[in-house]
Amino acid sequence: MLKQELQTLFAAMPQLVKDKLQPVMENLLERAADLDAETDKGSEYYEDEYEDIMKEVHKVKYLNDQWQILNARNNN
């Protein structure tokens, strides 16, 4: 479930951002797939890993937002 959500999020990003952050995105997708396969969704490991993944996702989203702001300024 988490992997699918991240794939959707990453697919909506501009190609330039995807190209620059591809290794990070691939790592996050791999970690999300491992987390989705976890059977004990209430374990401390699950919660900690989910939190760590989401911190990294927020960084990717921030970089994407910053790129869009810079791109919008350049187009005006």
C-alpha atoms as a PDB file:
ATOM      1  CA  MET A   1       0.000   0.000   0.000  1.00  0.00           C
ATOM      2  CA  LEU A   2       2.727   2.487   0.965  1.00  0.00           C
ATOM      3  CA  LYS A   3       4.799   1.555  -2.083  1.00  0.00           C
ATOM      4  CA  GLN A   4       1.852   2.204  -4.376  1.00  0.00           C
ATOM      5  CA  GLU A   5       1.213   5.607  -2.789  1.00  0.00           C
ATOM      6  CA  LEU A   6       4.865   6.577  -3.209  1.00  0.00           C
ATOM      7  CA  GLN A   7       4.911   5.423  -6.830  1.00  0.00           C
ATOM      8  CA  THR A   8       1.906   7.633  -7.541  1.00  0.00           C
ATOM      9  CA  LEU A   9       3.534  10.590  -5.798  1.00  0.00           C
ATOM     10  CA  PHE A  10       6.857  10.167  -7.579  1.00  0.00           C
ATOM     11  CA  ALA A  11       5.201   9.648 -10.982  1.00  0.00           C
ATOM     12  CA  ALA A  12       3.573  13.071 -10.719  1.00  0.00           C
ATOM     13  CA  MET A  13       6.914  14.833 -10.300  1.00  0.00           C
ATOM     14  CA  PRO A  14       8.645  16.530 -13.246  1.00  0.00           C
ATOM     15  CA  GLN A  15      11.196  14.467 -15.143  1.00  0.00           C
ATOM     16  CA  LEU A  16      14.105  16.670 -14.045  1.00  0.00           C
ATOM     17  CA  VAL A  17      13.317  16.020 -10.382  1.00  0.00           C
ATOM     18  CA  LYS A  18      12.902  12.302 -11.062  1.00  0.00           C
ATOM     19  CA  ASP A  19      16.251  12.181 -12.839  1.00  0.00           C
ATOM     20  CA  LYS A  20      18.066  13.930  -9.999  1.00  0.00           C
ATOM     21  CA  LEU A  21      16.407  12.005  -7.176  1.00  0.00           C
ATOM     22  CA  GLN A  22      16.048   8.588  -8.840  1.00  0.00           C
ATOM     23  CA  PRO A  23      18.418   6.728  -6.462  1.00  0.00           C
ATOM     24  CA  VAL A  24      16.634   8.166  -3.430  1.00  0.00           C
ATOM     25  CA  MET A  25      13.201   7.340  -4.834  1.00  0.00           C
ATOM     26  CA  GLU A  26      14.225   3.791  -5.706  1.00  0.00           C
ATOM     27  CA  ASN A  27      15.555   3.274  -2.188  1.00  0.00           C
ATOM     28  CA  LEU A  28      12.344   4.602  -0.655  1.00  0.00           C
ATOM     29  CA  LEU A  29      10.227   2.363  -2.885  1.00  0.00           C
ATOM     30  CA  GLU A  30      12.298  -0.675  -1.906  1.00  0.00           C
ATOM     31  CA  ARG A  31      11.976   0.156   1.782  1.00  0.00           C
ATOM     32  CA  ALA A  32       8.231   0.736   1.361  1.00  0.00           C
ATOM     33  CA  ALA A  33       7.840  -2.660  -0.318  1.00  0.00           C
ATOM     34  CA  ASP A  34       9.662  -4.306   2.588  1.00  0.00           C
ATOM     35  CA  LEU A  35       7.449  -2.450   5.030  1.00  0.00           C
ATOM     36  CA  ASP A  36       4.293  -3.466   3.151  1.00  0.00           C
ATOM     37  CA  ALA A  37       5.422  -7.087   3.445  1.00  0.00           C
ATOM     38  CA  GLU A  38       5.768  -6.747   7.237  1.00  0.00           C
ATOM     39  CA  THR A  39       3.124  -8.839   8.958  1.00  0.00           C
ATOM     40  CA  ASP A  40       3.059  -7.035  12.310  1.00  0.00           C
ATOM     41  CA  LYS A  41       1.826  -3.554  11.422  1.00  0.00           C
ATOM     42  CA  GLY A  42       1.754  -2.554  15.084  1.00  0.00           C
ATOM     43  CA  SER A  43       5.360  -3.379  15.882  1.00  0.00           C
ATOM     44  CA  GLU A  44       7.879  -0.790  16.944  1.00  0.00           C
ATOM     45  CA  TYR A  45      10.005  -1.638  13.897  1.00  0.00           C
ATOM     46  CA  TYR A  46       7.075  -0.932  11.565  1.00  0.00           C
ATOM     47  CA  GLU A  47       6.284   2.398  13.191  1.00  0.00           C
ATOM     48  CA  ASP A  48       9.923   3.524  13.264  1.00  0.00           C
ATOM     49  CA  GLU A  49      10.585   2.501   9.662  1.00  0.00           C
ATOM     50  CA  TYR A  50       7.366   4.152   8.492  1.00  0.00           C
ATOM     51  CA  GLU A  51       8.362   7.362  10.259  1.00  0.00           C
ATOM     52  CA  ASP A  52      11.866   7.269   8.740  1.00  0.00           C
ATOM     53  CA  ILE A  53      10.492   6.672   5.247  1.00  0.00           C
ATOM     54  CA  MET A  54       8.018   9.524   5.590  1.00  0.00           C
ATOM     55  CA  LYS A  55      10.785  11.900   6.724  1.00  0.00           C
ATOM     56  CA  GLU A  56      12.682  11.119   3.529  1.00  0.00           C
ATOM     57  CA  VAL A  57       9.504  11.474   1.437  1.00  0.00           C
ATOM     58  CA  HIS A  58       8.944  14.931   2.916  1.00  0.00           C
ATOM     59  CA  LYS A  59      12.475  15.889   1.879  1.00  0.00           C
ATOM     60  CA  VAL A  60      11.817  14.706  -1.687  1.00  0.00           C
ATOM     61  CA  LYS A  61       8.529  16.616  -1.761  1.00  0.00           C
ATOM     62  CA  TYR A  62      10.288  19.730  -0.463  1.00  0.00           C
ATOM     63  CA  LEU A  63      12.933  19.517  -3.181  1.00  0.00           C
ATOM     64  CA  ASN A  64      10.227  19.046  -5.783  1.00  0.00           C
ATOM     65  CA  ASP A  65       8.346  22.089  -4.476  1.00  0.00           C
ATOM     66  CA  GLN A  66      11.519  24.177  -4.521  1.00  0.00           C
ATOM     67  CA  TRP A  67      12.261  23.146  -8.095  1.00  0.00           C
ATOM     68  CA  GLN A  68       8.737  24.114  -9.146  1.00  0.00           C
ATOM     69  CA  ILE A  69       9.081  27.515  -7.471  1.00  0.00           C
ATOM     70  CA  LEU A  70      12.386  28.161  -9.231  1.00  0.00           C
ATOM     71  CA  ASN A  71      10.974  26.960 -12.535  1.00  0.00           C
ATOM     72  CA  ALA A  72       7.930  29.225 -12.168  1.00  0.00           C
ATOM     73  CA  ARG A  73      10.180  32.232 -11.507  1.00  0.00           C
ATOM     74  CA  ASN A  74      12.275  31.461 -14.578  1.00  0.00           C
ATOM     75  CA  ASN A  75       9.172  31.192 -16.756  1.00  0.00           C
ATOM     76  CA  ASN A  76       7.849  34.599 -15.668  1.00  0.00           C
END
